[in-house]
């Protein structure tokens, strides 16, 4: 594929002159979410191979502190979709994956070798979360390479007791994000990203250009459904990206997460 066209689609402009790219890099640059799925079953061999792609992700100190829950159960998938409420299309996905941080496995490995697990800390929680996120990212790219579509779902963390009950989560295991997976009936348009000048910092962190860059980026993105209209008031015309981000970040989300983690034996000391 044309590298310039892919970069323009990603940024709405050509902020740099791209190098020649391989097919693999073109696939990554063209990544999009899928929220419409065909009813076709994902064959076991294909799913297992995609999951092997997810397990090919790097992991902190090779500890591999994550687990992947897999369900094809339409009732389970529907229960999660119904709880979320605003994403009915989740029900159309033939497969739902839940990527979890898994501290339990390390505790068990320590016990098997007669050692005490001495790292129940914020750092371990972060390492397990990052391991799970990296596995999800690799799983997304493996699925795309196999002709499948995906969409990450952070909202599974809004319904922790439900997810824990549906999947029998034991102590030390916590959801990071869900991922719908299936053959796409349609792919979403490429989602424009913030300009590299805002995200990429060379040698030193410098966000002095953020305010100047946001108006052009807001103009590039279509108006979004306003977050939290019950708090900030409704805006029928939608919100620009930066206003929507500000709305979302100004309202506490998942305030019960830390307390729920404690019920699962994860105390962030």
C-alpha atoms as a PDB file:
ATOM      1  CA  UNK A   1       0.000   0.000   0.000  1.00  0.00           C
ATOM      2  CA  UNK A   2       0.994   3.644  -0.463  1.00  0.00           C
ATOM      3  CA  UNK A   3       2.824   4.820   2.655  1.00  0.00           C
ATOM      4  CA  UNK A   4       1.944   8.468   2.072  1.00  0.00           C
ATOM      5  CA  UNK A   5      -1.751   7.643   1.750  1.00  0.00           C
ATOM      6  CA  UNK A   6      -1.676   5.643   4.983  1.00  0.00           C
ATOM      7  CA  UNK A   7       0.076   8.439   6.892  1.00  0.00           C
ATOM      8  CA  UNK A   8      -2.383  11.022   5.544  1.00  0.00           C
ATOM      9  CA  UNK A   9      -5.289   8.834   6.609  1.00  0.00           C
ATOM     10  CA  UNK A  10      -3.829   8.468  10.096  1.00  0.00           C
ATOM     11  CA  UNK A  11      -3.021  12.162  10.652  1.00  0.00           C
ATOM     12  CA  UNK A  12      -5.212  14.021   8.155  1.00  0.00           C
ATOM     13  CA  UNK A  13      -1.974  15.483   6.808  1.00  0.00           C
ATOM     14  CA  UNK A  14       1.558  14.440   5.895  1.00  0.00           C
ATOM     15  CA  UNK A  15       3.594  15.556   8.929  1.00  0.00           C
ATOM     16  CA  UNK A  16       6.705  13.793   7.652  1.00  0.00           C
ATOM     17  CA  UNK A  17       7.904  12.015   4.537  1.00  0.00           C
ATOM     18  CA  UNK A  18       7.473   8.304   5.269  1.00  0.00           C
ATOM     19  CA  UNK A  19      10.001   5.652   4.410  1.00  0.00           C
ATOM     20  CA  UNK A  20       9.212   2.748   2.144  1.00  0.00           C
ATOM     21  CA  UNK A  21       7.197   0.227   4.117  1.00  0.00           C
ATOM     22  CA  UNK A  22       6.654  -3.503   4.183  1.00  0.00           C
ATOM     23  CA  UNK A  23       3.245  -5.144   3.954  1.00  0.00           C
ATOM     24  CA  UNK A  24       3.382  -5.815   7.695  1.00  0.00           C
ATOM     25  CA  UNK A  25       3.944  -2.168   8.552  1.00  0.00           C
ATOM     26  CA  UNK A  26       1.216  -1.138   6.095  1.00  0.00           C
ATOM     27  CA  UNK A  27      -1.191  -3.456   7.933  1.00  0.00           C
ATOM     28  CA  UNK A  28      -0.334  -1.789  11.229  1.00  0.00           C
ATOM     29  CA  UNK A  29      -0.697   1.743   9.845  1.00  0.00           C
ATOM     30  CA  UNK A  30      -4.083   0.808   8.384  1.00  0.00           C
ATOM     31  CA  UNK A  31      -5.439  -0.663  11.636  1.00  0.00           C
ATOM     32  CA  UNK A  32      -9.066   0.207  12.323  1.00  0.00           C
ATOM     33  CA  UNK A  33     -11.719  -0.930  14.765  1.00  0.00           C
ATOM     34  CA  UNK A  34     -14.503  -3.267  13.717  1.00  0.00           C
ATOM     35  CA  UNK A  35     -17.964  -2.914  15.221  1.00  0.00           C
ATOM     36  CA  UNK A  36     -19.908  -4.901  12.610  1.00  0.00           C
ATOM     37  CA  UNK A  37     -19.308  -8.635  12.372  1.00  0.00           C
ATOM     38  CA  UNK A  38     -20.377 -11.424  10.075  1.00  0.00           C
ATOM     39  CA  UNK A  39     -22.093 -14.376  11.788  1.00  0.00           C
ATOM     40  CA  UNK A  40     -19.348 -16.713  10.521  1.00  0.00           C
ATOM     41  CA  UNK A  41     -17.687 -18.874  13.144  1.00  0.00           C
ATOM     42  CA  UNK A  42     -13.993 -18.213  13.739  1.00  0.00           C
ATOM     43  CA  UNK A  43     -12.360 -21.641  13.300  1.00  0.00           C
ATOM     44  CA  UNK A  44     -10.593 -23.007  16.381  1.00  0.00           C
ATOM     45  CA  UNK A  45      -7.274 -23.317  14.570  1.00  0.00           C
ATOM     46  CA  UNK A  46      -7.434 -19.682  13.458  1.00  0.00           C
ATOM     47  CA  UNK A  47      -8.418 -18.452  16.919  1.00  0.00           C
ATOM     48  CA  UNK A  48      -5.656 -20.478  18.567  1.00  0.00           C
ATOM     49  CA  UNK A  49      -3.123 -19.065  16.116  1.00  0.00           C
ATOM     50  CA  UNK A  50      -4.266 -15.494  16.816  1.00  0.00           C
ATOM     51  CA  UNK A  51      -3.963 -16.195  20.539  1.00  0.00           C
ATOM     52  CA  UNK A  52      -0.431 -17.453  19.907  1.00  0.00           C
ATOM     53  CA  UNK A  53       0.187 -14.058  18.294  1.00  0.00           C
ATOM     54  CA  UNK A  54      -1.059 -12.406  21.488  1.00  0.00           C
ATOM     55  CA  UNK A  55       1.287 -14.577  23.545  1.00  0.00           C
ATOM     56  CA  UNK A  56       4.170 -13.478  21.336  1.00  0.00           C
ATOM     57  CA  UNK A  57       4.083 -10.054  23.015  1.00  0.00           C
ATOM     58  CA  UNK A  58       7.003  -9.031  25.227  1.00  0.00           C
ATOM     59  CA  UNK A  59       6.447  -9.352  28.974  1.00  0.00           C
ATOM     60  CA  UNK A  60       8.141  -7.707  31.930  1.00  0.00           C
ATOM     61  CA  UNK A  61      11.155  -9.830  32.967  1.00  0.00           C
ATOM     62  CA  UNK A  62       9.553 -12.746  31.083  1.00  0.00           C
ATOM     63  CA  UNK A  63       7.087 -13.132  33.970  1.00  0.00           C
ATOM     64  CA  UNK A  64       4.048 -13.163  31.628  1.00  0.00           C
ATOM     65  CA  UNK A  65       1.679 -11.813  34.268  1.00  0.00           C
ATOM     66  CA  UNK A  66      -1.530 -11.966  32.250  1.00  0.00           C
ATOM     67  CA  UNK A  67      -4.285 -14.365  31.236  1.00  0.00           C
ATOM     68  CA  UNK A  68      -6.734 -14.301  28.327  1.00  0.00           C
ATOM     69  CA  UNK A  69     -10.314 -15.393  28.869  1.00  0.00           C
ATOM     70  CA  UNK A  70     -12.046 -16.651  25.729  1.00  0.00           C
ATOM     71  CA  UNK A  71     -15.784 -17.012  25.267  1.00  0.00           C
ATOM     72  CA  UNK A  72     -17.959 -17.983  22.333  1.00  0.00           C
ATOM     73  CA  UNK A  73     -21.005 -18.225  24.614  1.00  0.00           C
ATOM     74  CA  UNK A  74     -23.598 -15.882  23.116  1.00  0.00           C
ATOM     75  CA  UNK A  75     -25.372 -15.551  26.473  1.00  0.00           C
ATOM     76  CA  UNK A  76     -22.201 -14.438  28.236  1.00  0.00           C
ATOM     77  CA  UNK A  77     -21.384 -11.980  25.469  1.00  0.00           C
ATOM     78  CA  UNK A  78     -24.951 -10.630  25.567  1.00  0.00           C
ATOM     79  CA  UNK A  79     -24.819 -10.264  29.365  1.00  0.00           C
ATOM     80  CA  UNK A  80     -21.752  -8.052  29.079  1.00  0.00           C
ATOM     81  CA  UNK A  81     -23.249  -6.066  26.190  1.00  0.00           C
ATOM     82  CA  UNK A  82     -26.512  -5.553  28.103  1.00  0.00           C
ATOM     83  CA  UNK A  83     -24.651  -4.413  31.217  1.00  0.00           C
ATOM     84  CA  UNK A  84     -22.690  -1.849  29.211  1.00  0.00           C
ATOM     85  CA  UNK A  85     -25.891  -0.768  27.472  1.00  0.00           C
ATOM     86  CA  UNK A  86     -24.423   1.572  24.864  1.00  0.00           C
ATOM     87  CA  UNK A  87     -22.675  -1.062  22.726  1.00  0.00           C
ATOM     88  CA  UNK A  88     -25.312  -3.522  21.460  1.00  0.00           C
ATOM     89  CA  UNK A  89     -23.065  -4.510  18.549  1.00  0.00           C
ATOM     90  CA  UNK A  90     -20.931  -6.497  20.998  1.00  0.00           C
ATOM     91  CA  UNK A  91     -23.612  -9.208  20.749  1.00  0.00           C
ATOM     92  CA  UNK A  92     -22.791  -9.717  17.073  1.00  0.00           C
ATOM     93  CA  UNK A  93     -19.175 -10.676  17.772  1.00  0.00           C
ATOM     94  CA  UNK A  94     -18.684 -14.448  17.616  1.00  0.00           C
ATOM     95  CA  UNK A  95     -15.770 -14.278  20.085  1.00  0.00           C
ATOM     96  CA  UNK A  96     -15.091 -12.094  23.111  1.00  0.00           C
ATOM     97  CA  UNK A  97     -11.679 -12.046  24.766  1.00  0.00           C
ATOM     98  CA  UNK A  98     -11.027 -10.590  28.213  1.00  0.00           C
ATOM     99  CA  UNK A  99      -7.390  -9.672  28.810  1.00  0.00           C
ATOM    100  CA  UNK A 100      -6.551  -9.855  32.504  1.00  0.00           C
ATOM    101  CA  UNK A 101      -3.626  -8.954  34.699  1.00  0.00           C
ATOM    102  CA  UNK A 102      -2.661 -12.136  36.518  1.00  0.00           C
ATOM    103  CA  UNK A 103      -0.721 -11.856  39.775  1.00  0.00           C
ATOM    104  CA  UNK A 104      -2.104 -15.181  40.992  1.00  0.00           C
ATOM    105  CA  UNK A 105       0.163 -17.264  38.747  1.00  0.00           C
ATOM    106  CA  UNK A 106       3.313 -15.680  40.169  1.00  0.00           C
ATOM    107  CA  UNK A 107       2.087 -16.316  43.707  1.00  0.00           C
ATOM    108  CA  UNK A 108       1.477 -19.968  42.848  1.00  0.00           C
ATOM    109  CA  UNK A 109       4.901 -20.334  41.213  1.00  0.00           C
ATOM    110  CA  UNK A 110       6.520 -18.891  44.348  1.00  0.00           C
ATOM    111  CA  UNK A 111       4.572 -21.313  46.549  1.00  0.00           C
ATOM    112  CA  UNK A 112       5.578 -24.277  44.392  1.00  0.00           C
ATOM    113  CA  UNK A 113       9.227 -23.360  44.986  1.00  0.00           C
ATOM    114  CA  UNK A 114       8.755 -22.709  48.700  1.00  0.00           C
ATOM    115  CA  UNK A 115       9.199 -18.957  48.466  1.00  0.00           C
ATOM    116  CA  UNK A 116       7.031 -16.075  49.639  1.00  0.00           C
ATOM    117  CA  UNK A 117       5.657 -13.726  46.976  1.00  0.00           C
ATOM    118  CA  UNK A 118       7.053 -10.367  48.163  1.00  0.00           C
ATOM    119  CA  UNK A 119       5.826  -8.115  45.366  1.00  0.00           C
ATOM    120  CA  UNK A 120       2.163  -7.362  46.055  1.00  0.00           C
ATOM    121  CA  UNK A 121       2.646  -3.733  45.106  1.00  0.00           C
ATOM    122  CA  UNK A 122       1.581  -0.983  42.736  1.00  0.00           C
ATOM    123  CA  UNK A 123       4.587  -1.893  40.583  1.00  0.00           C
ATOM    124  CA  UNK A 124       3.430  -5.502  40.196  1.00  0.00           C
ATOM    125  CA  UNK A 125      -0.097  -4.315  39.425  1.00  0.00           C
ATOM    126  CA  UNK A 126       1.318  -2.007  36.742  1.00  0.00           C
ATOM    127  CA  UNK A 127       3.546  -4.725  35.305  1.00  0.00           C
ATOM    128  CA  UNK A 128       0.634  -7.156  35.070  1.00  0.00           C
ATOM    129  CA  UNK A 129      -1.587  -4.499  33.479  1.00  0.00           C
ATOM    130  CA  UNK A 130       1.076  -3.633  30.906  1.00  0.00           C
ATOM    131  CA  UNK A 131       1.694  -7.312  30.132  1.00  0.00           C
ATOM    132  CA  UNK A 132      -2.042  -7.747  29.479  1.00  0.00           C
ATOM    133  CA  UNK A 133      -2.195  -4.604  27.342  1.00  0.00           C
ATOM    134  CA  UNK A 134       0.802  -5.667  25.269  1.00  0.00           C
ATOM    135  CA  UNK A 135      -0.761  -9.084  24.718  1.00  0.00           C
ATOM    136  CA  UNK A 136      -3.978  -7.417  23.593  1.00  0.00           C
ATOM    137  CA  UNK A 137      -2.074  -5.176  21.180  1.00  0.00           C
ATOM    138  CA  UNK A 138      -0.261  -8.138  19.662  1.00  0.00           C
ATOM    139  CA  UNK A 139      -3.556 -10.037  19.515  1.00  0.00           C
ATOM    140  CA  UNK A 140      -5.165  -7.160  17.631  1.00  0.00           C
ATOM    141  CA  UNK A 141      -2.404  -7.134  15.038  1.00  0.00           C
ATOM    142  CA  UNK A 142      -2.442 -10.932  14.738  1.00  0.00           C
ATOM    143  CA  UNK A 143      -6.206 -10.823  14.157  1.00  0.00           C
ATOM    144  CA  UNK A 144      -5.874  -8.076  11.537  1.00  0.00           C
ATOM    145  CA  UNK A 145      -3.152 -10.042   9.752  1.00  0.00           C
ATOM    146  CA  UNK A 146      -5.493 -13.055   9.685  1.00  0.00           C
ATOM    147  CA  UNK A 147      -8.348 -11.062   8.136  1.00  0.00           C
ATOM    148  CA  UNK A 148     -10.304 -10.676  11.373  1.00  0.00           C
ATOM    149  CA  UNK A 149     -11.579  -7.485  12.980  1.00  0.00           C
ATOM    150  CA  UNK A 150     -11.436  -6.375  16.601  1.00  0.00           C
ATOM    151  CA  UNK A 151     -12.536  -3.629  18.970  1.00  0.00           C
ATOM    152  CA  UNK A 152     -11.119  -3.073  22.468  1.00  0.00           C
ATOM    153  CA  UNK A 153     -13.651  -2.564  25.279  1.00  0.00           C
ATOM    154  CA  UNK A 154     -12.436  -0.883  28.458  1.00  0.00           C
ATOM    155  CA  UNK A 155     -16.023  -0.767  29.735  1.00  0.00           C
ATOM    156  CA  UNK A 156     -15.692  -4.307  31.073  1.00  0.00           C
ATOM    157  CA  UNK A 157     -14.049  -2.584  34.075  1.00  0.00           C
ATOM    158  CA  UNK A 158     -17.340  -0.774  34.711  1.00  0.00           C
ATOM    159  CA  UNK A 159     -18.878  -4.154  35.535  1.00  0.00           C
ATOM    160  CA  UNK A 160     -16.217  -5.960  37.557  1.00  0.00           C
ATOM    161  CA  UNK A 161     -18.536  -8.171  39.677  1.00  0.00           C
ATOM    162  CA  UNK A 162     -20.352  -9.383  36.550  1.00  0.00           C
ATOM    163  CA  UNK A 163     -17.123 -10.222  34.702  1.00  0.00           C
ATOM    164  CA  UNK A 164     -15.729 -11.927  37.802  1.00  0.00           C
ATOM    165  CA  UNK A 165     -18.876 -14.042  38.177  1.00  0.00           C
ATOM    166  CA  UNK A 166     -19.193 -14.957  34.505  1.00  0.00           C
ATOM    167  CA  UNK A 167     -15.582 -16.085  34.235  1.00  0.00           C
ATOM    168  CA  UNK A 168     -14.890 -17.289  37.763  1.00  0.00           C
ATOM    169  CA  UNK A 169     -12.049 -14.880  38.436  1.00  0.00           C
ATOM    170  CA  UNK A 170     -10.018 -15.944  41.475  1.00  0.00           C
ATOM    171  CA  UNK A 171      -7.924 -13.765  43.778  1.00  0.00           C
ATOM    172  CA  UNK A 172      -5.037 -12.037  42.034  1.00  0.00           C
ATOM    173  CA  UNK A 173      -6.707 -11.811  38.598  1.00  0.00           C
ATOM    174  CA  UNK A 174      -8.347  -8.629  37.306  1.00  0.00           C
ATOM    175  CA  UNK A 175      -9.807  -7.513  33.945  1.00  0.00           C
ATOM    176  CA  UNK A 176      -7.861  -4.948  31.937  1.00  0.00           C
ATOM    177  CA  UNK A 177      -9.969  -4.818  28.768  1.00  0.00           C
ATOM    178  CA  UNK A 178     -12.243  -6.847  26.541  1.00  0.00           C
ATOM    179  CA  UNK A 179     -11.762  -7.426  22.816  1.00  0.00           C
ATOM    180  CA  UNK A 180     -14.478  -8.383  20.356  1.00  0.00           C
ATOM    181  CA  UNK A 181     -13.229 -10.563  17.523  1.00  0.00           C
ATOM    182  CA  UNK A 182     -14.714 -11.898  14.297  1.00  0.00           C
ATOM    183  CA  UNK A 183     -14.831 -11.582  10.546  1.00  0.00           C
ATOM    184  CA  UNK A 184     -15.671  -7.953   9.726  1.00  0.00           C
ATOM    185  CA  UNK A 185     -18.904  -7.104   7.944  1.00  0.00           C
ATOM    186  CA  UNK A 186     -17.445  -3.591   7.663  1.00  0.00           C
ATOM    187  CA  UNK A 187     -14.418  -1.790   9.049  1.00  0.00           C
ATOM    188  CA  UNK A 188     -14.642   1.651  10.584  1.00  0.00           C
ATOM    189  CA  UNK A 189     -12.891   4.561   8.920  1.00  0.00           C
ATOM    190  CA  UNK A 190      -9.317   5.219   9.984  1.00  0.00           C
ATOM    191  CA  UNK A 191      -9.293   7.097  13.280  1.00  0.00           C
ATOM    192  CA  UNK A 192      -7.163  10.219  13.015  1.00  0.00           C
ATOM    193  CA  UNK A 193      -4.500  10.510  15.682  1.00  0.00           C
ATOM    194  CA  UNK A 194      -3.009  13.539  17.396  1.00  0.00           C
ATOM    195  CA  UNK A 195      -0.158  15.044  15.382  1.00  0.00           C
ATOM    196  CA  UNK A 196       3.319  13.639  16.114  1.00  0.00           C
ATOM    197  CA  UNK A 197       4.384  17.092  17.318  1.00  0.00           C
ATOM    198  CA  UNK A 198       2.065  16.611  20.330  1.00  0.00           C
ATOM    199  CA  UNK A 199       2.851  12.983  21.119  1.00  0.00           C
ATOM    200  CA  UNK A 200       6.489  12.483  20.082  1.00  0.00           C
ATOM    201  CA  UNK A 201       9.049  14.236  22.296  1.00  0.00           C
ATOM    202  CA  UNK A 202      12.663  14.232  21.135  1.00  0.00           C
ATOM    203  CA  UNK A 203      15.316  14.404  23.852  1.00  0.00           C
ATOM    204  CA  UNK A 204      13.092  16.375  26.293  1.00  0.00           C
ATOM    205  CA  UNK A 205       9.384  16.450  27.115  1.00  0.00           C
ATOM    206  CA  UNK A 206       7.811  19.574  25.622  1.00  0.00           C
ATOM    207  CA  UNK A 207       4.047  20.117  25.381  1.00  0.00           C
ATOM    208  CA  UNK A 208       4.222  23.833  24.674  1.00  0.00           C
ATOM    209  CA  UNK A 209       2.563  23.320  21.285  1.00  0.00           C
ATOM    210  CA  UNK A 210      -0.506  21.459  22.583  1.00  0.00           C
ATOM    211  CA  UNK A 211      -2.936  24.403  22.790  1.00  0.00           C
ATOM    212  CA  UNK A 212      -1.984  25.610  19.327  1.00  0.00           C
ATOM    213  CA  UNK A 213      -2.352  22.131  17.810  1.00  0.00           C
ATOM    214  CA  UNK A 214      -5.767  21.219  19.240  1.00  0.00           C
ATOM    215  CA  UNK A 215      -8.029  23.417  17.050  1.00  0.00           C
ATOM    216  CA  UNK A 216      -6.773  21.817  13.834  1.00  0.00           C
ATOM    217  CA  UNK A 217      -7.060  18.350  15.341  1.00  0.00           C
ATOM    218  CA  UNK A 218     -10.570  19.069  16.631  1.00  0.00           C
ATOM    219  CA  UNK A 219     -11.557  20.214  13.132  1.00  0.00           C
ATOM    220  CA  UNK A 220     -10.179  16.986  11.698  1.00  0.00           C
ATOM    221  CA  UNK A 221     -12.283  14.727  13.907  1.00  0.00           C
ATOM    222  CA  UNK A 222     -16.051  14.410  13.389  1.00  0.00           C
ATOM    223  CA  UNK A 223     -18.137  15.648  16.332  1.00  0.00           C
ATOM    224  CA  UNK A 224     -18.404  12.999  19.000  1.00  0.00           C
ATOM    225  CA  UNK A 225     -21.308  12.006  21.194  1.00  0.00           C
ATOM    226  CA  UNK A 226     -20.906  14.182  24.304  1.00  0.00           C
ATOM    227  CA  UNK A 227     -19.677  12.353  27.381  1.00  0.00           C
ATOM    228  CA  UNK A 228     -21.648  12.798  30.578  1.00  0.00           C
ATOM    229  CA  UNK A 229     -24.490  15.033  29.351  1.00  0.00           C
ATOM    230  CA  UNK A 230     -26.160  14.447  32.704  1.00  0.00           C
ATOM    231  CA  UNK A 231     -23.245  16.274  34.356  1.00  0.00           C
ATOM    232  CA  UNK A 232     -22.196  18.816  31.758  1.00  0.00           C
ATOM    233  CA  UNK A 233     -25.415  19.328  29.828  1.00  0.00           C
ATOM    234  CA  UNK A 234     -26.486  17.942  26.471  1.00  0.00           C
ATOM    235  CA  UNK A 235     -24.960  19.123  23.206  1.00  0.00           C
ATOM    236  CA  UNK A 236     -27.097  17.807  20.330  1.00  0.00           C
ATOM    237  CA  UNK A 237     -24.523  18.943  17.780  1.00  0.00           C
ATOM    238  CA  UNK A 238     -21.822  16.820  19.397  1.00  0.00           C
ATOM    239  CA  UNK A 239     -18.452  17.728  20.844  1.00  0.00           C
ATOM    240  CA  UNK A 240     -15.013  18.312  19.424  1.00  0.00           C
ATOM    241  CA  UNK A 241     -12.404  15.750  20.493  1.00  0.00           C
ATOM    242  CA  UNK A 242     -10.696  17.967  23.083  1.00  0.00           C
ATOM    243  CA  UNK A 243     -13.970  19.007  24.727  1.00  0.00           C
ATOM    244  CA  UNK A 244     -15.136  15.408  24.835  1.00  0.00           C
ATOM    245  CA  UNK A 245     -11.823  14.372  26.393  1.00  0.00           C
ATOM    246  CA  UNK A 246     -12.118  17.161  28.969  1.00  0.00           C
ATOM    247  CA  UNK A 247     -15.692  16.124  29.788  1.00  0.00           C
ATOM    248  CA  UNK A 248     -14.661  12.517  30.308  1.00  0.00           C
ATOM    249  CA  UNK A 249     -11.599  13.310  32.392  1.00  0.00           C
ATOM    250  CA  UNK A 250     -13.478  15.753  34.623  1.00  0.00           C
ATOM    251  CA  UNK A 251     -15.809  13.032  35.954  1.00  0.00           C
ATOM    252  CA  UNK A 252     -14.346  10.272  38.184  1.00  0.00           C
ATOM    253  CA  UNK A 253     -14.615   6.881  36.478  1.00  0.00           C
ATOM    254  CA  UNK A 254     -14.448   3.427  38.080  1.00  0.00           C
ATOM    255  CA  UNK A 255     -13.883   4.887  41.515  1.00  0.00           C
ATOM    256  CA  UNK A 256     -14.575   1.438  42.985  1.00  0.00           C
ATOM    257  CA  UNK A 257     -11.721  -0.268  41.119  1.00  0.00           C
ATOM    258  CA  UNK A 258      -9.195  -0.088  43.962  1.00  0.00           C
ATOM    259  CA  UNK A 259     -11.730  -1.395  46.489  1.00  0.00           C
ATOM    260  CA  UNK A 260     -12.731  -4.227  44.136  1.00  0.00           C
ATOM    261  CA  UNK A 261      -9.073  -5.174  43.649  1.00  0.00           C
ATOM    262  CA  UNK A 262      -8.729  -5.479  47.414  1.00  0.00           C
ATOM    263  CA  UNK A 263     -11.575  -8.010  47.436  1.00  0.00           C
ATOM    264  CA  UNK A 264      -9.477 -10.030  44.979  1.00  0.00           C
ATOM    265  CA  UNK A 265      -6.424  -9.983  47.214  1.00  0.00           C
ATOM    266  CA  UNK A 266      -4.679  -7.174  45.342  1.00  0.00           C
ATOM    267  CA  UNK A 267      -3.688  -4.450  47.794  1.00  0.00           C
ATOM    268  CA  UNK A 268      -1.857  -1.615  46.103  1.00  0.00           C
ATOM    269  CA  UNK A 269       0.756  -0.887  48.733  1.00  0.00           C
END
